[in-house]
PDB file of N, CA and C in Angstrom:
ATOM      1  N   MET A   1      86.070 110.430 106.815  1.00  0.00           N
ATOM      2  CA  MET A   1      86.783 111.390 107.623  1.00  0.00           C
ATOM      3  C   MET A   1      86.817 110.915 109.076  1.00  0.00           C
ATOM      4  N   ILE A   2      87.936 111.158 109.697  1.00  0.00           N
ATOM      5  CA  ILE A   2      88.060 110.923 111.125  1.00  0.00           C
ATOM      6  C   ILE A   2      88.254 112.284 111.771  1.00  0.00           C
ATOM      7  N   ASP A   3      87.367 112.615 112.704  1.00  0.00           N
ATOM      8  CA  ASP A   3      87.455 113.877 113.422  1.00  0.00           C
ATOM      9  C   ASP A   3      88.226 113.664 114.711  1.00  0.00           C
ATOM     10  N   ILE A   4      89.155 114.563 114.984  1.00  0.00           N
ATOM     11  CA  ILE A   4      89.948 114.456 116.205  1.00  0.00           C
ATOM     12  C   ILE A   4      90.298 115.855 116.685  1.00  0.00           C
ATOM     13  N   HIS A   5      90.239 116.056 117.993  1.00  0.00           N
ATOM     14  CA  HIS A   5      90.642 117.327 118.589  1.00  0.00           C
ATOM     15  C   HIS A   5      92.124 117.237 118.916  1.00  0.00           C
ATOM     16  N   TYR A   6      92.894 118.201 118.412  1.00  0.00           N
ATOM     17  CA  TYR A   6      94.338 118.177 118.617  1.00  0.00           C
ATOM     18  C   TYR A   6      94.872 119.601 118.645  1.00  0.00           C
ATOM     19  N   LYS A   7      95.580 119.911 119.694  1.00  0.00           N
ATOM     20  CA  LYS A   7      96.181 121.238 119.882  1.00  0.00           C
ATOM     21  C   LYS A   7      95.150 122.358 119.728  1.00  0.00           C
ATOM     22  N   GLY A   8      93.990 122.149 120.341  1.00  0.00           N
ATOM     23  CA  GLY A   8      92.959 123.175 120.350  1.00  0.00           C
ATOM     24  C   GLY A   8      92.163 123.330 119.068  1.00  0.00           C
ATOM     25  N   ALA A   9      92.363 122.420 118.126  1.00  0.00           N
ATOM     26  CA  ALA A   9      91.642 122.510 116.855  1.00  0.00           C
ATOM     27  C   ALA A   9      90.969 121.179 116.540  1.00  0.00           C
ATOM     28  N   LEU A  10      89.891 121.258 115.792  1.00  0.00           N
ATOM     29  CA  LEU A  10      89.237 120.058 115.300  1.00  0.00           C
ATOM     30  C   LEU A  10      89.822 119.721 113.932  1.00  0.00           C
ATOM     31  N   LEU A  11      90.446 118.575 113.838  1.00  0.00           N
ATOM     32  CA  LEU A  11      91.010 118.123 112.564  1.00  0.00           C
ATOM     33  C   LEU A  11      90.061 117.127 111.927  1.00  0.00           C
ATOM     34  N   GLU A  12      89.828 117.273 110.655  1.00  0.00           N
ATOM     35  CA  GLU A  12      89.039 116.314 109.882  1.00  0.00           C
ATOM     36  C   GLU A  12      90.007 115.630 108.925  1.00  0.00           C
ATOM     37  N   LEU A  13      90.420 114.436 109.292  1.00  0.00           N
ATOM     38  CA  LEU A  13      91.446 113.725 108.536  1.00  0.00           C
ATOM     39  C   LEU A  13      90.808 112.791 107.517  1.00  0.00           C
ATOM     40  N   PRO A  14      91.165 112.925 106.259  1.00  0.00           N
ATOM     41  CA  PRO A  14      90.647 112.002 105.245  1.00  0.00           C
ATOM     42  C   PRO A  14      91.067 110.567 105.591  1.00  0.00           C
ATOM     43  N   SER A  15      90.126 109.663 105.499  1.00  0.00           N
ATOM     44  CA  SER A  15      90.424 108.275 105.838  1.00  0.00           C
ATOM     45  C   SER A  15      89.627 107.336 104.941  1.00  0.00           C
ATOM     46  N   GLU A  16      90.080 106.094 104.911  1.00  0.00           N
ATOM     47  CA  GLU A  16      89.434 105.093 104.065  1.00  0.00           C
ATOM     48  C   GLU A  16      89.543 103.733 104.735  1.00  0.00           C
ATOM     49  N   LEU A  17      88.445 102.999 104.777  1.00  0.00           N
ATOM     50  CA  LEU A  17      88.437 101.639 105.308  1.00  0.00           C
ATOM     51  C   LEU A  17      88.791 100.689 104.173  1.00  0.00           C
ATOM     52  N   LEU A  18      89.814  99.884 104.380  1.00  0.00           N
ATOM     53  CA  LEU A  18      90.269  98.928 103.367  1.00  0.00           C
ATOM     54  C   LEU A  18      89.991  97.518 103.864  1.00  0.00           C
ATOM     55  N   LEU A  19      89.113  96.807 103.185  1.00  0.00           N
ATOM     56  CA  LEU A  19      88.792  95.439 103.567  1.00  0.00           C
ATOM     57  C   LEU A  19      89.739  94.486 102.860  1.00  0.00           C
ATOM     58  N   GLN A  20      90.310  93.547 103.641  1.00  0.00           N
ATOM     59  CA  GLN A  20      91.261  92.587 103.099  1.00  0.00           C
ATOM     60  C   GLN A  20      90.950  91.213 103.671  1.00  0.00           C
ATOM     61  N   GLY A  21      90.183  90.437 102.936  1.00  0.00           N
ATOM     62  CA  GLY A  21      89.822  89.105 103.417  1.00  0.00           C
ATOM     63  C   GLY A  21      89.018  89.195 104.700  1.00  0.00           C
ATOM     64  N   TYR A  22      89.559  88.587 105.769  1.00  0.00           N
ATOM     65  CA  TYR A  22      88.866  88.583 107.056  1.00  0.00           C
ATOM     66  C   TYR A  22      89.304  89.728 107.966  1.00  0.00           C
ATOM     67  N   THR A  23      90.096  90.607 107.469  1.00  0.00           N
ATOM     68  CA  THR A  23      90.611  91.701 108.288  1.00  0.00           C
ATOM     69  C   THR A  23      90.427  93.035 107.565  1.00  0.00           C
ATOM     70  N   HIS A  24      90.874  94.083 108.193  1.00  0.00           N
ATOM     71  CA  HIS A  24      90.742  95.406 107.601  1.00  0.00           C
ATOM     72  C   HIS A  24      91.905  96.285 108.032  1.00  0.00           C
ATOM     73  N   LYS A  25      92.102  97.351 107.296  1.00  0.00           N
ATOM     74  CA  LYS A  25      93.046  98.412 107.625  1.00  0.00           C
ATOM     75  C   LYS A  25      92.312  99.726 107.437  1.00  0.00           C
ATOM     76  N   VAL A  26      92.803 100.745 108.103  1.00  0.00           N
ATOM     77  CA  VAL A  26      92.272 102.084 107.928  1.00  0.00           C
ATOM     78  C   VAL A  26      93.421 102.960 107.447  1.00  0.00           C
ATOM     79  N   LYS A  27      93.227 103.588 106.293  1.00  0.00           N
ATOM     80  CA  LYS A  27      94.224 104.510 105.758  1.00  0.00           C
ATOM     81  C   LYS A  27      93.817 105.918 106.159  1.00  0.00           C
ATOM     82  N   VAL A  28      94.740 106.636 106.778  1.00  0.00           N
ATOM     83  CA  VAL A  28      94.483 107.999 107.230  1.00  0.00           C
ATOM     84  C   VAL A  28      95.559 108.901 106.637  1.00  0.00           C
ATOM     85  N   MET A  29      95.133 110.013 106.087  1.00  0.00           N
ATOM     86  CA  MET A  29      96.071 110.990 105.538  1.00  0.00           C
ATOM     87  C   MET A  29      96.444 111.979 106.635  1.00  0.00           C
ATOM     88  N   LEU A  30      97.718 112.010 106.961  1.00  0.00           N
ATOM     89  CA  LEU A  30      98.248 112.985 107.912  1.00  0.00           C
ATOM     90  C   LEU A  30      99.147 113.925 107.115  1.00  0.00           C
ATOM     91  N   GLY A  31      98.572 115.017 106.693  1.00  0.00           N
ATOM     92  CA  GLY A  31      99.287 115.906 105.783  1.00  0.00           C
ATOM     93  C   GLY A  31      99.450 115.201 104.451  1.00  0.00           C
ATOM     94  N   ALA A  32     100.684 115.084 103.981  1.00  0.00           N
ATOM     95  CA  ALA A  32     100.957 114.403 102.712  1.00  0.00           C
ATOM     96  C   ALA A  32     101.294 112.933 102.911  1.00  0.00           C
ATOM     97  N   ASN A  33     101.224 112.450 104.152  1.00  0.00           N
ATOM     98  CA  ASN A  33     101.608 111.074 104.456  1.00  0.00           C
ATOM     99  C   ASN A  33     100.396 110.172 104.638  1.00  0.00           C
ATOM    100  N   GLU A  34     100.466 108.992 104.036  1.00  0.00           N
ATOM    101  CA  GLU A  34      99.465 107.959 104.269  1.00  0.00           C
ATOM    102  C   GLU A  34      99.955 107.107 105.432  1.00  0.00           C
ATOM    103  N   VAL A  35      99.118 106.979 106.455  1.00  0.00           N
ATOM    104  CA  VAL A  35      99.438 106.116 107.586  1.00  0.00           C
ATOM    105  C   VAL A  35      98.339 105.067 107.658  1.00  0.00           C
ATOM    106  N   PHE A  36      98.742 103.811 107.729  1.00  0.00           N
ATOM    107  CA  PHE A  36      97.800 102.705 107.787  1.00  0.00           C
ATOM    108  C   PHE A  36      97.716 102.195 109.219  1.00  0.00           C
ATOM    109  N   PHE A  37      96.511 101.877 109.648  1.00  0.00           N
ATOM    110  CA  PHE A  37      96.290 101.324 110.978  1.00  0.00           C
ATOM    111  C   PHE A  37      95.674  99.945 110.812  1.00  0.00           C
ATOM    112  N   GLU A  38      96.224  98.979 111.559  1.00  0.00           N
ATOM    113  CA  GLU A  38      95.688  97.620 111.540  1.00  0.00           C
ATOM    114  C   GLU A  38      95.747  97.051 112.942  1.00  0.00           C
ATOM    115  N   LYS A  39      94.962  96.025 113.187  1.00  0.00           N
ATOM    116  CA  LYS A  39      94.942  95.384 114.499  1.00  0.00           C
ATOM    117  C   LYS A  39      96.223  94.593 114.710  1.00  0.00           C
ATOM    118  N   ASP A  40      96.733  94.641 115.940  1.00  0.00           N
ATOM    119  CA  ASP A  40      97.893  93.834 116.275  1.00  0.00           C
ATOM    120  C   ASP A  40      97.442  92.587 117.043  1.00  0.00           C
ATOM    121  N   GLU A  41      98.403  91.833 117.568  1.00  0.00           N
ATOM    122  CA  GLU A  41      98.095  90.577 118.262  1.00  0.00           C
ATOM    123  C   GLU A  41      97.285  90.792 119.541  1.00  0.00           C
ATOM    124  N   GLU A  42      97.381  91.987 120.128  1.00  0.00           N
ATOM    125  CA  GLU A  42      96.661  92.301 121.363  1.00  0.00           C
ATOM    126  C   GLU A  42      95.335  92.997 121.091  1.00  0.00           C
ATOM    127  N   ASP A  43      94.914  93.013 119.831  1.00  0.00           N
ATOM    128  CA  ASP A  43      93.638  93.588 119.404  1.00  0.00           C
ATOM    129  C   ASP A  43      93.598  95.109 119.515  1.00  0.00           C
ATOM    130  N   ASN A  44      94.766  95.752 119.495  1.00  0.00           N
ATOM    131  CA  ASN A  44      94.870  97.205 119.460  1.00  0.00           C
ATOM    132  C   ASN A  44      95.267  97.611 118.049  1.00  0.00           C
ATOM    133  N   TYR A  45      95.034  98.860 117.715  1.00  0.00           N
ATOM    134  CA  TYR A  45      95.434  99.345 116.388  1.00  0.00           C
ATOM    135  C   TYR A  45      96.863  99.868 116.430  1.00  0.00           C
ATOM    136  N   ARG A  46      97.656  99.450 115.475  1.00  0.00           N
ATOM    137  CA  ARG A  46      99.026  99.942 115.349  1.00  0.00           C
ATOM    138  C   ARG A  46      99.151 100.674 114.025  1.00  0.00           C
ATOM    139  N   ALA A  47     100.064 101.623 113.995  1.00  0.00           N
ATOM    140  CA  ALA A  47     100.300 102.408 112.786  1.00  0.00           C
ATOM    141  C   ALA A  47     101.413 101.776 111.973  1.00  0.00           C
ATOM    142  N   LEU A  48     101.214 101.752 110.664  1.00  0.00           N
ATOM    143  CA  LEU A  48     102.230 101.256 109.740  1.00  0.00           C
ATOM    144  C   LEU A  48     102.595 102.387 108.794  1.00  0.00           C
ATOM    145  N   LEU A  49     103.878 102.663 108.704  1.00  0.00           N
ATOM    146  CA  LEU A  49     104.349 103.673 107.770  1.00  0.00           C
ATOM    147  C   LEU A  49     104.860 102.977 106.522  1.00  0.00           C
ATOM    148  N   LEU A  50     104.706 103.620 105.400  1.00  0.00           N
ATOM    149  CA  LEU A  50     105.195 103.062 104.144  1.00  0.00           C
ATOM    150  C   LEU A  50     106.708 103.187 104.079  1.00  0.00           C
ATOM    151  N   PRO A  51     107.362 102.276 103.365  1.00  0.00           N
ATOM    152  CA  PRO A  51     108.808 102.399 103.201  1.00  0.00           C
ATOM    153  C   PRO A  51     109.157 103.759 102.600  1.00  0.00           C
ATOM    154  N   GLY A  52     110.180 104.370 103.149  1.00  0.00           N
ATOM    155  CA  GLY A  52     110.604 105.680 102.663  1.00  0.00           C
ATOM    156  C   GLY A  52     110.009 106.845 103.429  1.00  0.00           C
ATOM    157  N   GLN A  53     108.956 106.590 104.227  1.00  0.00           N
ATOM    158  CA  GLN A  53     108.402 107.678 105.020  1.00  0.00           C
ATOM    159  C   GLN A  53     109.322 107.935 106.213  1.00  0.00           C
ATOM    160  N   GLU A  54     109.577 109.177 106.473  1.00  0.00           N
ATOM    161  CA  GLU A  54     110.463 109.530 107.564  1.00  0.00           C
ATOM    162  C   GLU A  54     109.658 109.793 108.822  1.00  0.00           C
ATOM    163  N   LYS A  55     109.958 109.016 109.864  1.00  0.00           N
ATOM    164  CA  LYS A  55     109.222 109.115 111.111  1.00  0.00           C
ATOM    165  C   LYS A  55     109.289 110.513 111.716  1.00  0.00           C
ATOM    166  N   ASP A  56     110.405 111.197 111.543  1.00  0.00           N
ATOM    167  CA  ASP A  56     110.554 112.513 112.153  1.00  0.00           C
ATOM    168  C   ASP A  56     109.703 113.578 111.478  1.00  0.00           C
ATOM    169  N   ARG A  57     109.140 113.280 110.321  1.00  0.00           N
ATOM    170  CA  ARG A  57     108.261 114.239 109.631  1.00  0.00           C
ATOM    171  C   ARG A  57     106.787 114.006 109.952  1.00  0.00           C
ATOM    172  N   ILE A  58     106.509 112.985 110.741  1.00  0.00           N
ATOM    173  CA  ILE A  58     105.135 112.655 111.112  1.00  0.00           C
ATOM    174  C   ILE A  58     104.989 112.879 112.609  1.00  0.00           C
ATOM    175  N   ASP A  59     103.941 113.583 113.006  1.00  0.00           N
ATOM    176  CA  ASP A  59     103.684 113.867 114.414  1.00  0.00           C
ATOM    177  C   ASP A  59     103.192 112.584 115.090  1.00  0.00           C
ATOM    178  N   MET A  60     104.084 111.939 115.847  1.00  0.00           N
ATOM    179  CA  MET A  60     103.749 110.646 116.436  1.00  0.00           C
ATOM    180  C   MET A  60     102.691 110.769 117.536  1.00  0.00           C
ATOM    181  N   THR A  61     102.588 111.928 118.167  1.00  0.00           N
ATOM    182  CA  THR A  61     101.509 112.141 119.136  1.00  0.00           C
ATOM    183  C   THR A  61     100.166 112.098 118.421  1.00  0.00           C
ATOM    184  N   LEU A  62     100.093 112.735 117.268  1.00  0.00           N
ATOM    185  CA  LEU A  62      98.864 112.712 116.477  1.00  0.00           C
ATOM    186  C   LEU A  62      98.565 111.290 115.999  1.00  0.00           C
ATOM    187  N   VAL A  63      99.570 110.555 115.591  1.00  0.00           N
ATOM    188  CA  VAL A  63      99.378 109.163 115.164  1.00  0.00           C
ATOM    189  C   VAL A  63      98.768 108.347 116.302  1.00  0.00           C
ATOM    190  N   SER A  64      99.283 108.518 117.498  1.00  0.00           N
ATOM    191  CA  SER A  64      98.755 107.796 118.657  1.00  0.00           C
ATOM    192  C   SER A  64      97.295 108.161 118.930  1.00  0.00           C
ATOM    193  N   LEU A  65      96.974 109.438 118.850  1.00  0.00           N
ATOM    194  CA  LEU A  65      95.590 109.874 119.067  1.00  0.00           C
ATOM    195  C   LEU A  65      94.652 109.323 117.993  1.00  0.00           C
ATOM    196  N   VAL A  66      95.110 109.280 116.760  1.00  0.00           N
ATOM    197  CA  VAL A  66      94.291 108.723 115.677  1.00  0.00           C
ATOM    198  C   VAL A  66      94.039 107.245 115.930  1.00  0.00           C
ATOM    199  N   GLY A  67      95.064 106.513 116.355  1.00  0.00           N
ATOM    200  CA  GLY A  67      94.883 105.096 116.670  1.00  0.00           C
ATOM    201  C   GLY A  67      93.846 104.880 117.758  1.00  0.00           C
ATOM    202  N   LYS A  68      93.878 105.708 118.792  1.00  0.00           N
ATOM    203  CA  LYS A  68      92.884 105.607 119.871  1.00  0.00           C
ATOM    204  C   LYS A  68      91.490 105.953 119.367  1.00  0.00           C
ATOM    205  N   ARG A  69      91.405 106.941 118.497  1.00  0.00           N
ATOM    206  CA  ARG A  69      90.095 107.322 117.931  1.00  0.00           C
ATOM    207  C   ARG A  69      89.528 106.199 117.081  1.00  0.00           C
ATOM    208  N   ILE A  70      90.375 105.537 116.315  1.00  0.00           N
ATOM    209  CA  ILE A  70      89.918 104.408 115.503  1.00  0.00           C
ATOM    210  C   ILE A  70      89.412 103.294 116.409  1.00  0.00           C
ATOM    211  N   GLU A  71      90.125 103.031 117.507  1.00  0.00           N
ATOM    212  CA  GLU A  71      89.653 102.021 118.457  1.00  0.00           C
ATOM    213  C   GLU A  71      88.269 102.374 119.002  1.00  0.00           C
ATOM    214  N   GLU A  72      88.049 103.663 119.296  1.00  0.00           N
ATOM    215  CA  GLU A  72      86.728 104.103 119.772  1.00  0.00           C
ATOM    216  C   GLU A  72      85.665 103.863 118.718  1.00  0.00           C
ATOM    217  N   LEU A  73      85.980 104.166 117.467  1.00  0.00           N
ATOM    218  CA  LEU A  73      84.990 104.031 116.401  1.00  0.00           C
ATOM    219  C   LEU A  73      84.625 102.575 116.126  1.00  0.00           C
ATOM    220  N   PHE A  74      85.559 101.658 116.329  1.00  0.00           N
ATOM    221  CA  PHE A  74      85.316 100.241 116.038  1.00  0.00           C
ATOM    222  C   PHE A  74      84.953  99.444 117.288  1.00  0.00           C
ATOM    223  N   ALA A  75      84.797 100.113 118.426  1.00  0.00           N
ATOM    224  CA  ALA A  75      84.461  99.402 119.681  1.00  0.00           C
ATOM    225  C   ALA A  75      83.041  98.899 119.661  1.00  0.00           C
TER     226      ALA A  75
END
Protein backbone atom coordinates (compact mmCIF):
# COMPACT_ATOMS: atom_id res chain seq x y z
CA MET A 1 0.00 0.00 0.00
CA ILE A 2 1.06 3.54 -0.69
CA ASP A 3 -0.42 6.11 1.67
CA ILE A 4 -0.98 9.59 0.31
CA HIS A 5 -2.89 12.64 1.53
CA TYR A 6 -5.12 14.01 -1.21
CA LYS A 7 -8.03 16.43 -1.08
CA GLY A 8 -8.20 16.26 2.70
CA ALA A 9 -8.28 12.47 2.88
CA LEU A 10 -5.75 9.75 3.47
CA LEU A 11 -5.76 7.36 0.53
CA GLU A 12 -4.33 3.87 0.86
CA LEU A 13 -3.58 2.82 -2.70
CA PRO A 14 -2.91 -0.84 -3.44
CA SER A 15 0.54 -1.18 -4.95
CA GLU A 16 3.04 -3.82 -5.96
CA LEU A 17 6.80 -3.73 -6.56
CA LEU A 18 7.69 -5.54 -9.79
CA LEU A 19 11.32 -6.57 -10.18
CA GLN A 20 12.56 -6.85 -13.76
CA GLY A 21 16.21 -7.76 -14.16
CA TYR A 22 18.28 -4.82 -12.95
CA THR A 23 15.34 -2.45 -12.71
CA HIS A 24 11.91 -2.24 -11.15
CA LYS A 25 8.43 -0.84 -11.66
CA VAL A 26 5.74 -0.01 -9.16
CA LYS A 27 2.15 -0.87 -10.04
CA VAL A 28 -0.41 1.33 -8.31
CA MET A 29 -4.17 0.92 -8.52
CA LEU A 30 -5.95 4.23 -8.99
CA GLY A 31 -9.57 3.23 -8.84
CA ALA A 32 -10.02 0.59 -11.55
CA ASN A 33 -6.87 1.68 -13.41
CA GLU A 34 -3.42 0.16 -13.12
CA VAL A 35 -0.73 2.81 -13.40
CA PHE A 36 2.90 1.74 -13.62
CA PHE A 37 5.77 3.92 -12.42
CA GLU A 38 9.35 3.44 -13.60
CA LYS A 39 12.55 5.45 -13.52
CA ASP A 40 13.26 7.69 -16.48
CA GLU A 41 16.61 8.88 -17.88
CA GLU A 42 16.78 11.67 -15.26
CA ASP A 43 16.27 9.18 -12.40
CA ASN A 44 12.72 10.41 -11.69
CA TYR A 45 9.63 8.21 -11.68
CA ARG A 46 7.30 8.52 -14.66
CA ALA A 47 3.83 7.09 -15.01
CA LEU A 48 2.98 4.63 -17.76
CA LEU A 49 -0.60 4.01 -18.75
CA LEU A 50 -1.66 0.79 -20.42
CA PRO A 51 -2.90 0.92 -24.01
CA GLY A 52 -6.59 1.70 -24.05
CA GLN A 53 -6.59 3.61 -20.77
CA GLU A 54 -8.14 7.01 -21.18
CA LYS A 55 -6.08 9.81 -19.69
CA ASP A 56 -9.15 11.93 -19.00
CA ARG A 57 -10.53 9.25 -16.65
CA ILE A 58 -7.40 9.29 -14.47
CA ASP A 59 -6.72 12.14 -12.05
CA MET A 60 -3.33 13.33 -13.31
CA THR A 61 -2.76 15.45 -10.19
CA LEU A 62 -3.06 12.28 -8.12
CA VAL A 63 -0.71 10.46 -10.52
CA SER A 64 1.88 13.19 -10.02
CA LEU A 65 1.56 13.02 -6.23
CA VAL A 66 1.91 9.23 -6.28
CA GLY A 67 5.08 9.55 -8.37
CA LYS A 68 6.55 11.98 -5.84
CA ARG A 69 5.58 9.68 -2.97
CA ILE A 70 7.30 6.75 -4.66
CA GLU A 71 10.43 8.88 -5.07
CA GLU A 72 10.31 9.62 -1.32
CA LEU A 73 9.94 5.95 -0.47
CA PHE A 74 12.90 4.89 -2.65
CA ALA A 75 15.19 7.80 -1.68
